[in-house]
Amino acid sequence: MDAGSMIENIEAVRRRLAALLQQRPEALSAWDGALKEAVDTLSETAEDLRAILEQVRISDPAPLKQKRSMTRHAEDALYRAMVELELPVQQRTRQLQALSRQLLAVQETERRYLARELHDEIGQGLTGLKLTLEMITPVPEHRPRLEQARSILNELLGQVRDLSLDLRPAMLDDLGLLPALLWLFNRYTTRTGIQVDFKHAGLEDRCATEVETSAYRIIQEALTNVARHAAVDAVSVCVLNERRVLSIRVEDQGIGFEPERAFTSGTSSGLAGMRERAALLGGELIIESAPDEGTRLVAILPLGDTASN
């Protein structure tokens, strides 16, 4: 209902009340004062509405149109500013992602180089020294010290070999993800006593180097976290290569934790590193866990057009 209709209705009610007062039947004598007050109130209300309508009619519409125009211009300017700001942000984001990929590639290259140097140079040098010691025929009084030197040398050889493999196993580059994972699980069980239930499909074909490296590092870090925090004697790992996606699931029935708190606290660089590796490939990392309810880690790594035979 518009203001004009409201005024007309008020006027109609006022006229009816005025007519009722003019008749003044005996039955209405007790209501005479109340009716007069109602008529006066309605008259004042009608006059107020008339005054408001008159002000609206005589007011200049230009300021209102100008305000609307200014609002539209402001909204357009804000939208253009948001678009202009979004493009540099997207470009900078792509640049940062490219830089992160380059940094990870450089790290893996350095790991590969150091691993080979440890194996080829230092490892071979220690092996030669070991052979030299074994060829020595010691006098009886020097035999204990020679045996001690051999023992220390064997320990150094083992440490160098482990360090080389931890940096980057050569089989990951030479044979692919599946043999590297089988070797990793066997070594993991030997070191920690935790059995790995491994299921896989489609890993016979090679993927792109960066995909295989990210998958290996994510699984390696996940198993390290299980050994450190889960307090279990078994863990399951499932890796599937299907529909141009490499999916990884690592699950345990351990003590669990609160993932969001771990991410926001910034104390777990391993979790952040796994998430970053997945994100840089256009994938995602999902961690489902709660105290006393175990942990499930799922990584989705798109293969895209980078897969190779």
C-alpha atoms as a PDB file:
ATOM      1  CA  MET A   1       0.000   0.000   0.000  1.00  0.00           C
ATOM      2  CA  ASP A   2       1.425   3.417  -1.025  1.00  0.00           C
ATOM      3  CA  ALA A   3       1.310   6.609   1.027  1.00  0.00           C
ATOM      4  CA  GLY A   4      -1.640   8.073  -0.930  1.00  0.00           C
ATOM      5  CA  SER A   5      -3.804   5.061  -0.200  1.00  0.00           C
ATOM      6  CA  MET A   6      -2.842   5.220   3.450  1.00  0.00           C
ATOM      7  CA  ILE A   7      -3.972   8.864   3.619  1.00  0.00           C
ATOM      8  CA  GLU A   8      -7.256   8.039   1.941  1.00  0.00           C
ATOM      9  CA  ASN A   9      -7.921   5.222   4.403  1.00  0.00           C
ATOM     10  CA  ILE A  10      -7.087   7.469   7.331  1.00  0.00           C
ATOM     11  CA  GLU A  11      -9.402  10.176   5.969  1.00  0.00           C
ATOM     12  CA  ALA A  12     -12.228   7.626   5.581  1.00  0.00           C
ATOM     13  CA  VAL A  13     -11.867   6.457   9.165  1.00  0.00           C
ATOM     14  CA  ARG A  14     -11.699  10.054  10.367  1.00  0.00           C
ATOM     15  CA  ARG A  15     -14.898  10.968   8.495  1.00  0.00           C
ATOM     16  CA  ARG A  16     -16.756   7.981   9.912  1.00  0.00           C
ATOM     17  CA  LEU A  17     -15.681   8.875  13.440  1.00  0.00           C
ATOM     18  CA  ALA A  18     -16.662  12.517  12.917  1.00  0.00           C
ATOM     19  CA  ALA A  19     -20.083  11.486  11.658  1.00  0.00           C
ATOM     20  CA  LEU A  20     -20.456   9.196  14.629  1.00  0.00           C
ATOM     21  CA  LEU A  21     -19.671  12.081  16.987  1.00  0.00           C
ATOM     22  CA  GLN A  22     -22.189  14.359  15.290  1.00  0.00           C
ATOM     23  CA  GLN A  23     -24.990  11.810  15.797  1.00  0.00           C
ATOM     24  CA  ARG A  24     -24.153  11.588  19.551  1.00  0.00           C
ATOM     25  CA  PRO A  25     -26.451   8.774  20.480  1.00  0.00           C
ATOM     26  CA  GLU A  26     -26.827   8.140  24.165  1.00  0.00           C
ATOM     27  CA  ALA A  27     -24.907   4.876  23.857  1.00  0.00           C
ATOM     28  CA  LEU A  28     -21.777   6.777  22.745  1.00  0.00           C
ATOM     29  CA  SER A  29     -21.772   9.480  25.378  1.00  0.00           C
ATOM     30  CA  ALA A  30     -19.208   7.644  27.482  1.00  0.00           C
ATOM     31  CA  TRP A  31     -16.880   7.444  24.483  1.00  0.00           C
ATOM     32  CA  ASP A  32     -17.165  11.046  23.397  1.00  0.00           C
ATOM     33  CA  GLY A  33     -13.724  12.182  24.636  1.00  0.00           C
ATOM     34  CA  ALA A  34     -11.931   9.109  23.294  1.00  0.00           C
ATOM     35  CA  LEU A  35     -13.523   9.511  19.879  1.00  0.00           C
ATOM     36  CA  LYS A  36     -12.536  13.182  19.669  1.00  0.00           C
ATOM     37  CA  GLU A  37      -8.954  12.255  20.534  1.00  0.00           C
ATOM     38  CA  ALA A  38      -8.948   9.544  17.855  1.00  0.00           C
ATOM     39  CA  VAL A  39     -10.206  11.972  15.238  1.00  0.00           C
ATOM     40  CA  ASP A  40      -7.556  14.535  16.165  1.00  0.00           C
ATOM     41  CA  THR A  41      -4.810  11.909  16.022  1.00  0.00           C
ATOM     42  CA  LEU A  42      -5.919  10.704  12.620  1.00  0.00           C
ATOM     43  CA  SER A  43      -6.039  14.272  11.343  1.00  0.00           C
ATOM     44  CA  GLU A  44      -2.486  14.928  12.520  1.00  0.00           C
ATOM     45  CA  THR A  45      -1.284  11.675  10.958  1.00  0.00           C
ATOM     46  CA  ALA A  46      -2.859  12.550   7.636  1.00  0.00           C
ATOM     47  CA  GLU A  47      -1.299  16.023   7.680  1.00  0.00           C
ATOM     48  CA  ASP A  48       2.132  14.550   8.449  1.00  0.00           C
ATOM     49  CA  LEU A  49       1.869  12.142   5.546  1.00  0.00           C
ATOM     50  CA  ARG A  50       0.770  14.920   3.222  1.00  0.00           C
ATOM     51  CA  ALA A  51       3.766  17.009   4.247  1.00  0.00           C
ATOM     52  CA  ILE A  52       6.133  14.111   3.616  1.00  0.00           C
ATOM     53  CA  LEU A  53       4.644  13.431   0.197  1.00  0.00           C
ATOM     54  CA  GLU A  54       4.851  17.085  -0.682  1.00  0.00           C
ATOM     55  CA  GLN A  55       8.531  17.210   0.236  1.00  0.00           C
ATOM     56  CA  VAL A  56       9.185  14.156  -1.895  1.00  0.00           C
ATOM     57  CA  ARG A  57       7.354  15.685  -4.847  1.00  0.00           C
ATOM     58  CA  ILE A  58       9.070  19.040  -4.677  1.00  0.00           C
ATOM     59  CA  SER A  59      12.528  17.705  -3.870  1.00  0.00           C
ATOM     60  CA  ASP A  60      15.082  17.750  -6.662  1.00  0.00           C
ATOM     61  CA  PRO A  61      15.679  14.189  -7.912  1.00  0.00           C
ATOM     62  CA  ALA A  62      19.089  15.149  -9.258  1.00  0.00           C
ATOM     63  CA  PRO A  63      21.035  14.527  -6.022  1.00  0.00           C
ATOM     64  CA  LEU A  64      19.471  11.065  -5.712  1.00  0.00           C
ATOM     65  CA  LYS A  65      20.325  10.231  -9.311  1.00  0.00           C
ATOM     66  CA  GLN A  66      23.788  11.616  -8.787  1.00  0.00           C
ATOM     67  CA  LYS A  67      24.283   9.448  -5.716  1.00  0.00           C
ATOM     68  CA  ARG A  68      23.118   6.385  -7.595  1.00  0.00           C
ATOM     69  CA  SER A  69      25.460   7.200 -10.447  1.00  0.00           C
ATOM     70  CA  MET A  70      28.358   7.723  -8.045  1.00  0.00           C
ATOM     71  CA  THR A  71      27.560   4.408  -6.379  1.00  0.00           C
ATOM     72  CA  ARG A  72      27.592   2.593  -9.710  1.00  0.00           C
ATOM     73  CA  HIS A  73      30.881   4.250 -10.668  1.00  0.00           C
ATOM     74  CA  ALA A  74      32.380   3.305  -7.311  1.00  0.00           C
ATOM     75  CA  GLU A  75      31.238  -0.291  -7.688  1.00  0.00           C
ATOM     76  CA  ASP A  76      32.679  -0.449 -11.222  1.00  0.00           C
ATOM     77  CA  ALA A  77      35.956   1.047 -10.056  1.00  0.00           C
ATOM     78  CA  LEU A  78      36.137  -1.418  -7.169  1.00  0.00           C
ATOM     79  CA  TYR A  79      35.477  -4.336  -9.504  1.00  0.00           C
ATOM     80  CA  ARG A  80      38.150  -3.167 -11.946  1.00  0.00           C
ATOM     81  CA  ALA A  81      40.599  -2.734  -9.087  1.00  0.00           C
ATOM     82  CA  MET A  82      39.864  -6.251  -7.855  1.00  0.00           C
ATOM     83  CA  VAL A  83      40.400  -7.670 -11.344  1.00  0.00           C
ATOM     84  CA  GLU A  84      43.604  -5.692 -11.809  1.00  0.00           C
ATOM     85  CA  LEU A  85      44.828  -6.866  -8.410  1.00  0.00           C
ATOM     86  CA  GLU A  86      43.825 -10.486  -9.000  1.00  0.00           C
ATOM     87  CA  LEU A  87      45.899 -10.850 -12.155  1.00  0.00           C
ATOM     88  CA  PRO A  88      49.230  -9.885 -10.509  1.00  0.00           C
ATOM     89  CA  VAL A  89      48.376 -12.103  -7.538  1.00  0.00           C
ATOM     90  CA  GLN A  90      47.748 -15.040  -9.837  1.00  0.00           C
ATOM     91  CA  GLN A  91      50.949 -14.346 -11.736  1.00  0.00           C
ATOM     92  CA  ARG A  92      52.924 -14.060  -8.517  1.00  0.00           C
ATOM     93  CA  THR A  93      51.360 -17.272  -7.232  1.00  0.00           C
ATOM     94  CA  ARG A  94      52.375 -19.108 -10.398  1.00  0.00           C
ATOM     95  CA  GLN A  95      55.867 -17.654 -10.108  1.00  0.00           C
ATOM     96  CA  LEU A  96      56.153 -18.786  -6.486  1.00  0.00           C
ATOM     97  CA  GLN A  97      54.931 -22.256  -7.406  1.00  0.00           C
ATOM     98  CA  ALA A  98      57.439 -22.449 -10.233  1.00  0.00           C
ATOM     99  CA  LEU A  99      60.180 -21.284  -7.867  1.00  0.00           C
ATOM    100  CA  SER A 100      59.175 -23.895  -5.298  1.00  0.00           C
ATOM    101  CA  ARG A 101      59.283 -26.606  -7.949  1.00  0.00           C
ATOM    102  CA  GLN A 102      62.717 -25.420  -9.007  1.00  0.00           C
ATOM    103  CA  LEU A 103      63.918 -25.449  -5.397  1.00  0.00           C
ATOM    104  CA  LEU A 104      62.658 -28.994  -4.887  1.00  0.00           C
ATOM    105  CA  ALA A 105      64.295 -30.037  -8.159  1.00  0.00           C
ATOM    106  CA  VAL A 106      67.575 -28.453  -7.047  1.00  0.00           C
ATOM    107  CA  GLN A 107      67.337 -30.191  -3.682  1.00  0.00           C
ATOM    108  CA  GLU A 108      66.794 -33.569  -5.323  1.00  0.00           C
ATOM    109  CA  THR A 109      69.647 -32.896  -7.754  1.00  0.00           C
ATOM    110  CA  GLU A 110      71.944 -32.071  -4.848  1.00  0.00           C
ATOM    111  CA  ARG A 111      70.761 -35.160  -2.990  1.00  0.00           C
ATOM    112  CA  ARG A 112      71.473 -37.287  -6.046  1.00  0.00           C
ATOM    113  CA  TYR A 113      74.920 -35.755  -6.463  1.00  0.00           C
ATOM    114  CA  LEU A 114      75.855 -36.162  -2.789  1.00  0.00           C
ATOM    115  CA  ALA A 115      74.537 -39.729  -2.718  1.00  0.00           C
ATOM    116  CA  ARG A 116      76.656 -40.683  -5.703  1.00  0.00           C
ATOM    117  CA  GLU A 117      79.707 -38.923  -4.290  1.00  0.00           C
ATOM    118  CA  LEU A 118      79.312 -40.762  -1.000  1.00  0.00           C
ATOM    119  CA  HIS A 119      78.865 -44.065  -2.766  1.00  0.00           C
ATOM    120  CA  ASP A 120      81.452 -43.681  -5.502  1.00  0.00           C
ATOM    121  CA  GLU A 121      84.196 -41.644  -3.870  1.00  0.00           C
ATOM    122  CA  ILE A 122      84.043 -42.036  -0.125  1.00  0.00           C
ATOM    123  CA  GLY A 123      82.491 -45.492  -0.206  1.00  0.00           C
ATOM    124  CA  GLN A 124      85.012 -46.853  -2.646  1.00  0.00           C
ATOM    125  CA  GLY A 125      87.861 -45.236  -0.724  1.00  0.00           C
ATOM    126  CA  LEU A 126      86.737 -46.878   2.521  1.00  0.00           C
ATOM    127  CA  THR A 127      86.295 -50.197   0.740  1.00  0.00           C
ATOM    128  CA  GLY A 128      89.862 -49.970  -0.552  1.00  0.00           C
ATOM    129  CA  LEU A 129      91.093 -49.194   2.933  1.00  0.00           C
ATOM    130  CA  LYS A 130      89.216 -52.188   4.292  1.00  0.00           C
ATOM    131  CA  LEU A 131      90.838 -54.489   1.731  1.00  0.00           C
ATOM    132  CA  THR A 132      94.236 -53.084   2.650  1.00  0.00           C
ATOM    133  CA  LEU A 133      93.664 -53.784   6.332  1.00  0.00           C
ATOM    134  CA  GLU A 134      92.528 -57.311   5.600  1.00  0.00           C
ATOM    135  CA  MET A 135      95.739 -57.970   3.677  1.00  0.00           C
ATOM    136  CA  ILE A 136      97.891 -57.007   6.640  1.00  0.00           C
ATOM    137  CA  THR A 137      99.241 -59.812   8.733  1.00  0.00           C
ATOM    138  CA  PRO A 138      99.598 -58.231  12.153  1.00  0.00           C
ATOM    139  CA  VAL A 139     102.003 -59.213  14.851  1.00  0.00           C
ATOM    140  CA  PRO A 140     100.230 -60.695  17.870  1.00  0.00           C
ATOM    141  CA  GLU A 141     100.572 -57.595  20.037  1.00  0.00           C
ATOM    142  CA  HIS A 142      98.952 -55.402  17.330  1.00  0.00           C
ATOM    143  CA  ARG A 143      96.093 -57.746  16.466  1.00  0.00           C
ATOM    144  CA  PRO A 144      93.524 -56.204  18.903  1.00  0.00           C
ATOM    145  CA  ARG A 145      94.117 -52.721  17.558  1.00  0.00           C
ATOM    146  CA  LEU A 146      93.887 -53.943  13.975  1.00  0.00           C
ATOM    147  CA  GLU A 147      90.602 -55.689  14.687  1.00  0.00           C
ATOM    148  CA  GLN A 148      89.317 -52.494  16.266  1.00  0.00           C
ATOM    149  CA  ALA A 149      90.318 -50.505  13.184  1.00  0.00           C
ATOM    150  CA  ARG A 150      88.515 -52.994  10.941  1.00  0.00           C
ATOM    151  CA  SER A 151      85.410 -52.770  13.112  1.00  0.00           C
ATOM    152  CA  ILE A 152      85.427 -48.971  12.975  1.00  0.00           C
ATOM    153  CA  LEU A 153      85.938 -49.110   9.216  1.00  0.00           C
ATOM    154  CA  ASN A 154      83.001 -51.471   8.744  1.00  0.00           C
ATOM    155  CA  GLU A 155      80.835 -49.150  10.810  1.00  0.00           C
ATOM    156  CA  LEU A 156      81.888 -46.165   8.702  1.00  0.00           C
ATOM    157  CA  LEU A 157      81.086 -48.081   5.535  1.00  0.00           C
ATOM    158  CA  GLY A 158      77.606 -48.844   6.842  1.00  0.00           C
ATOM    159  CA  GLN A 159      76.991 -45.223   7.833  1.00  0.00           C
ATOM    160  CA  VAL A 160      78.146 -43.923   4.457  1.00  0.00           C
ATOM    161  CA  ARG A 161      75.949 -46.449   2.643  1.00  0.00           C
ATOM    162  CA  ASP A 162      72.920 -45.541   4.784  1.00  0.00           C
ATOM    163  CA  LEU A 163      73.517 -41.842   4.322  1.00  0.00           C
ATOM    164  CA  SER A 164      73.789 -42.284   0.568  1.00  0.00           C
ATOM    165  CA  LEU A 165      70.543 -44.248   0.446  1.00  0.00           C
ATOM    166  CA  ASP A 166      68.746 -41.790   2.702  1.00  0.00           C
ATOM    167  CA  LEU A 167      69.758 -38.896   0.480  1.00  0.00           C
ATOM    168  CA  ARG A 168      68.378 -40.584  -2.643  1.00  0.00           C
ATOM    169  CA  PRO A 169      68.285 -44.276  -3.482  1.00  0.00           C
ATOM    170  CA  ALA A 170      69.798 -44.871  -6.912  1.00  0.00           C
ATOM    171  CA  MET A 171      67.110 -47.428  -7.740  1.00  0.00           C
ATOM    172  CA  LEU A 172      64.474 -44.679  -7.725  1.00  0.00           C
ATOM    173  CA  ASP A 173      66.177 -43.173 -10.768  1.00  0.00           C
ATOM    174  CA  ASP A 174      67.300 -46.426 -12.359  1.00  0.00           C
ATOM    175  CA  LEU A 175      64.370 -48.777 -11.728  1.00  0.00           C
ATOM    176  CA  GLY A 176      61.421 -46.606 -10.765  1.00  0.00           C
ATOM    177  CA  LEU A 177      58.992 -46.108  -7.901  1.00  0.00           C
ATOM    178  CA  LEU A 178      57.900 -49.694  -7.239  1.00  0.00           C
ATOM    179  CA  PRO A 179      61.381 -51.227  -6.673  1.00  0.00           C
ATOM    180  CA  ALA A 180      62.372 -48.198  -4.597  1.00  0.00           C
ATOM    181  CA  LEU A 181      59.295 -48.600  -2.372  1.00  0.00           C
ATOM    182  CA  LEU A 182      59.862 -52.332  -1.920  1.00  0.00           C
ATOM    183  CA  TRP A 183      63.433 -51.617  -0.854  1.00  0.00           C
ATOM    184  CA  LEU A 184      62.252 -48.797   1.442  1.00  0.00           C
ATOM    185  CA  PHE A 185      59.674 -50.999   3.193  1.00  0.00           C
ATOM    186  CA  ASN A 186      62.152 -53.827   3.746  1.00  0.00           C
ATOM    187  CA  ARG A 187      64.708 -51.440   5.198  1.00  0.00           C
ATOM    188  CA  TYR A 188      62.043 -49.691   7.264  1.00  0.00           C
ATOM    189  CA  THR A 189      60.882 -52.944   8.856  1.00  0.00           C
ATOM    190  CA  THR A 190      64.472 -53.983   9.574  1.00  0.00           C
ATOM    191  CA  ARG A 191      65.173 -50.696  11.326  1.00  0.00           C
ATOM    192  CA  THR A 192      61.907 -50.162  13.219  1.00  0.00           C
ATOM    193  CA  GLY A 193      60.289 -53.592  13.517  1.00  0.00           C
ATOM    194  CA  ILE A 194      57.069 -52.158  12.017  1.00  0.00           C
ATOM    195  CA  GLN A 195      55.513 -54.378   9.359  1.00  0.00           C
ATOM    196  CA  VAL A 196      54.305 -52.709   6.155  1.00  0.00           C
ATOM    197  CA  ASP A 197      51.212 -54.086   4.431  1.00  0.00           C
ATOM    198  CA  PHE A 198      51.753 -52.873   0.867  1.00  0.00           C
ATOM    199  CA  LYS A 199      49.150 -52.953  -1.896  1.00  0.00           C
ATOM    200  CA  HIS A 200      49.650 -51.441  -5.300  1.00  0.00           C
ATOM    201  CA  ALA A 201      48.352 -51.373  -8.867  1.00  0.00           C
ATOM    202  CA  GLY A 202      49.645 -49.855 -12.076  1.00  0.00           C
ATOM    203  CA  LEU A 203      53.149 -49.134 -10.816  1.00  0.00           C
ATOM    204  CA  GLU A 204      54.836 -51.272 -13.428  1.00  0.00           C
ATOM    205  CA  ASP A 205      54.835 -48.291 -15.808  1.00  0.00           C
ATOM    206  CA  ARG A 206      57.138 -45.396 -15.054  1.00  0.00           C
ATOM    207  CA  CYS A 207      55.757 -41.966 -14.183  1.00  0.00           C
ATOM    208  CA  ALA A 208      57.432 -38.601 -14.553  1.00  0.00           C
ATOM    209  CA  THR A 209      60.505 -38.176 -12.377  1.00  0.00           C
ATOM    210  CA  GLU A 210      58.966 -35.401 -10.284  1.00  0.00           C
ATOM    211  CA  VAL A 211      55.859 -37.509  -9.619  1.00  0.00           C
ATOM    212  CA  GLU A 212      57.878 -40.557  -8.566  1.00  0.00           C
ATOM    213  CA  THR A 213      60.115 -38.419  -6.385  1.00  0.00           C
ATOM    214  CA  SER A 214      57.186 -36.689  -4.666  1.00  0.00           C
ATOM    215  CA  ALA A 215      55.382 -39.989  -4.100  1.00  0.00           C
ATOM    216  CA  TYR A 216      58.522 -41.571  -2.636  1.00  0.00           C
ATOM    217  CA  ARG A 217      59.221 -38.616  -0.341  1.00  0.00           C
ATOM    218  CA  ILE A 218      55.614 -38.408   0.875  1.00  0.00           C
ATOM    219  CA  ILE A 219      55.534 -42.117   1.730  1.00  0.00           C
ATOM    220  CA  GLN A 220      58.991 -41.936   3.320  1.00  0.00           C
ATOM    221  CA  GLU A 221      57.976 -39.017   5.543  1.00  0.00           C
ATOM    222  CA  ALA A 222      54.659 -40.637   6.447  1.00  0.00           C
ATOM    223  CA  LEU A 223      56.413 -43.826   7.554  1.00  0.00           C
ATOM    224  CA  THR A 224      58.916 -41.788   9.548  1.00  0.00           C
ATOM    225  CA  ASN A 225      56.030 -40.107  11.400  1.00  0.00           C
ATOM    226  CA  VAL A 226      54.447 -43.501  12.096  1.00  0.00           C
ATOM    227  CA  ALA A 227      57.679 -44.797  13.611  1.00  0.00           C
ATOM    228  CA  ARG A 228      58.134 -41.667  15.732  1.00  0.00           C
ATOM    229  CA  HIS A 229      54.616 -41.023  16.989  1.00  0.00           C
ATOM    230  CA  ALA A 230      52.042 -43.739  16.228  1.00  0.00           C
ATOM    231  CA  ALA A 231      53.251 -46.452  18.632  1.00  0.00           C
ATOM    232  CA  VAL A 232      52.142 -49.320  16.373  1.00  0.00           C
ATOM    233  CA  ASP A 233      53.681 -52.522  15.025  1.00  0.00           C
ATOM    234  CA  ALA A 234      52.037 -52.384  11.584  1.00  0.00           C
ATOM    235  CA  VAL A 235      51.131 -49.827   8.935  1.00  0.00           C
ATOM    236  CA  SER A 236      49.321 -50.170   5.610  1.00  0.00           C
ATOM    237  CA  VAL A 237      50.373 -48.467   2.387  1.00  0.00           C
ATOM    238  CA  CYS A 238      48.346 -48.445  -0.820  1.00  0.00           C
ATOM    239  CA  VAL A 239      49.559 -46.843  -4.069  1.00  0.00           C
ATOM    240  CA  LEU A 240      47.373 -46.893  -7.186  1.00  0.00           C
ATOM    241  CA  ASN A 241      48.151 -45.567 -10.638  1.00  0.00           C
ATOM    242  CA  GLU A 242      44.855 -45.231 -12.487  1.00  0.00           C
ATOM    243  CA  ARG A 243      42.909 -42.672 -14.484  1.00  0.00           C
ATOM    244  CA  ARG A 244      45.904 -40.405 -14.837  1.00  0.00           C
ATOM    245  CA  VAL A 245      46.114 -40.011 -11.073  1.00  0.00           C
ATOM    246  CA  LEU A 246      48.553 -41.509  -8.607  1.00  0.00           C
ATOM    247  CA  SER A 247      46.786 -42.016  -5.291  1.00  0.00           C
ATOM    248  CA  ILE A 248      48.627 -42.772  -2.058  1.00  0.00           C
ATOM    249  CA  ARG A 249      47.149 -43.926   1.235  1.00  0.00           C
ATOM    250  CA  VAL A 250      49.138 -44.538   4.409  1.00  0.00           C
ATOM    251  CA  GLU A 251      47.094 -45.704   7.372  1.00  0.00           C
ATOM    252  CA  ASP A 252      47.819 -46.799  10.938  1.00  0.00           C
ATOM    253  CA  GLN A 253      45.791 -47.602  14.039  1.00  0.00           C
ATOM    254  CA  GLY A 254      48.049 -45.660  16.394  1.00  0.00           C
ATOM    255  CA  ILE A 255      47.505 -42.945  18.950  1.00  0.00           C
ATOM    256  CA  GLY A 256      46.551 -40.303  16.367  1.00  0.00           C
ATOM    257  CA  PHE A 257      46.816 -36.537  16.664  1.00  0.00           C
ATOM    258  CA  GLU A 258      45.047 -33.285  15.717  1.00  0.00           C
ATOM    259  CA  PRO A 259      46.117 -32.398  12.146  1.00  0.00           C
ATOM    260  CA  GLU A 260      44.931 -28.782  12.157  1.00  0.00           C
ATOM    261  CA  ARG A 261      46.775 -28.021  15.359  1.00  0.00           C
ATOM    262  CA  ALA A 262      49.925 -29.601  13.937  1.00  0.00           C
ATOM    263  CA  PHE A 263      49.675 -27.520  10.748  1.00  0.00           C
ATOM    264  CA  THR A 264      48.830 -24.234  12.461  1.00  0.00           C
ATOM    265  CA  SER A 265      51.470 -24.604  15.163  1.00  0.00           C
ATOM    266  CA  GLY A 266      54.195 -24.764  12.525  1.00  0.00           C
ATOM    267  CA  THR A 267      56.085 -27.414  14.498  1.00  0.00           C
ATOM    268  CA  SER A 268      55.718 -30.143  11.879  1.00  0.00           C
ATOM    269  CA  SER A 269      57.813 -29.281   8.859  1.00  0.00           C
ATOM    270  CA  GLY A 270      57.352 -32.819   7.568  1.00  0.00           C
ATOM    271  CA  LEU A 271      53.578 -32.425   7.181  1.00  0.00           C
ATOM    272  CA  ALA A 272      54.018 -29.044   5.523  1.00  0.00           C
ATOM    273  CA  GLY A 273      56.611 -30.497   3.153  1.00  0.00           C
ATOM    274  CA  MET A 274      54.305 -33.327   2.108  1.00  0.00           C
ATOM    275  CA  ARG A 275      51.444 -30.913   1.480  1.00  0.00           C
ATOM    276  CA  GLU A 276      53.707 -28.623  -0.538  1.00  0.00           C
ATOM    277  CA  ARG A 277      54.970 -31.479  -2.707  1.00  0.00           C
ATOM    278  CA  ALA A 278      51.424 -32.529  -3.518  1.00  0.00           C
ATOM    279  CA  ALA A 279      50.258 -28.971  -4.187  1.00  0.00           C
ATOM    280  CA  LEU A 280      53.126 -28.222  -6.559  1.00  0.00           C
ATOM    281  CA  LEU A 281      51.974 -31.102  -8.755  1.00  0.00           C
ATOM    282  CA  GLY A 282      48.415 -29.786  -8.731  1.00  0.00           C
ATOM    283  CA  GLY A 283      47.342 -32.405  -6.209  1.00  0.00           C
ATOM    284  CA  GLU A 284      46.305 -32.412  -2.596  1.00  0.00           C
ATOM    285  CA  LEU A 285      47.165 -33.989   0.727  1.00  0.00           C
ATOM    286  CA  ILE A 286      44.434 -35.017   3.152  1.00  0.00           C
ATOM    287  CA  ILE A 287      45.104 -36.145   6.719  1.00  0.00           C
ATOM    288  CA  GLU A 288      42.343 -37.680   8.812  1.00  0.00           C
ATOM    289  CA  SER A 289      43.248 -38.283  12.420  1.00  0.00           C
ATOM    290  CA  ALA A 290      42.111 -37.802  15.994  1.00  0.00           C
ATOM    291  CA  PRO A 291      43.584 -38.744  19.375  1.00  0.00           C
ATOM    292  CA  ASP A 292      43.345 -42.518  19.973  1.00  0.00           C
ATOM    293  CA  GLU A 293      41.694 -43.060  16.570  1.00  0.00           C
ATOM    294  CA  GLY A 294      44.653 -43.674  14.286  1.00  0.00           C
ATOM    295  CA  THR A 295      45.734 -41.700  11.227  1.00  0.00           C
ATOM    296  CA  ARG A 296      44.952 -41.874   7.529  1.00  0.00           C
ATOM    297  CA  LEU A 297      47.016 -39.901   5.042  1.00  0.00           C
ATOM    298  CA  VAL A 298      45.793 -39.609   1.466  1.00  0.00           C
ATOM    299  CA  ALA A 299      47.764 -37.926  -1.308  1.00  0.00           C
ATOM    300  CA  ILE A 300      46.385 -37.359  -4.802  1.00  0.00           C
ATOM    301  CA  LEU A 301      49.025 -36.632  -7.452  1.00  0.00           C
ATOM    302  CA  PRO A 302      47.765 -35.859 -10.967  1.00  0.00           C
ATOM    303  CA  LEU A 303      49.911 -37.377 -13.690  1.00  0.00           C
ATOM    304  CA  GLY A 304      48.706 -34.987 -16.381  1.00  0.00           C
ATOM    305  CA  ASP A 305      50.777 -35.044 -19.537  1.00  0.00           C
ATOM    306  CA  THR A 306      54.024 -35.693 -17.696  1.00  0.00           C
ATOM    307  CA  ALA A 307      53.741 -39.468 -17.531  1.00  0.00           C
ATOM    308  CA  SER A 308      56.361 -41.326 -19.529  1.00  0.00           C
ATOM    309  CA  ASN A 309      56.911 -44.957 -20.402  1.00  0.00           C
END
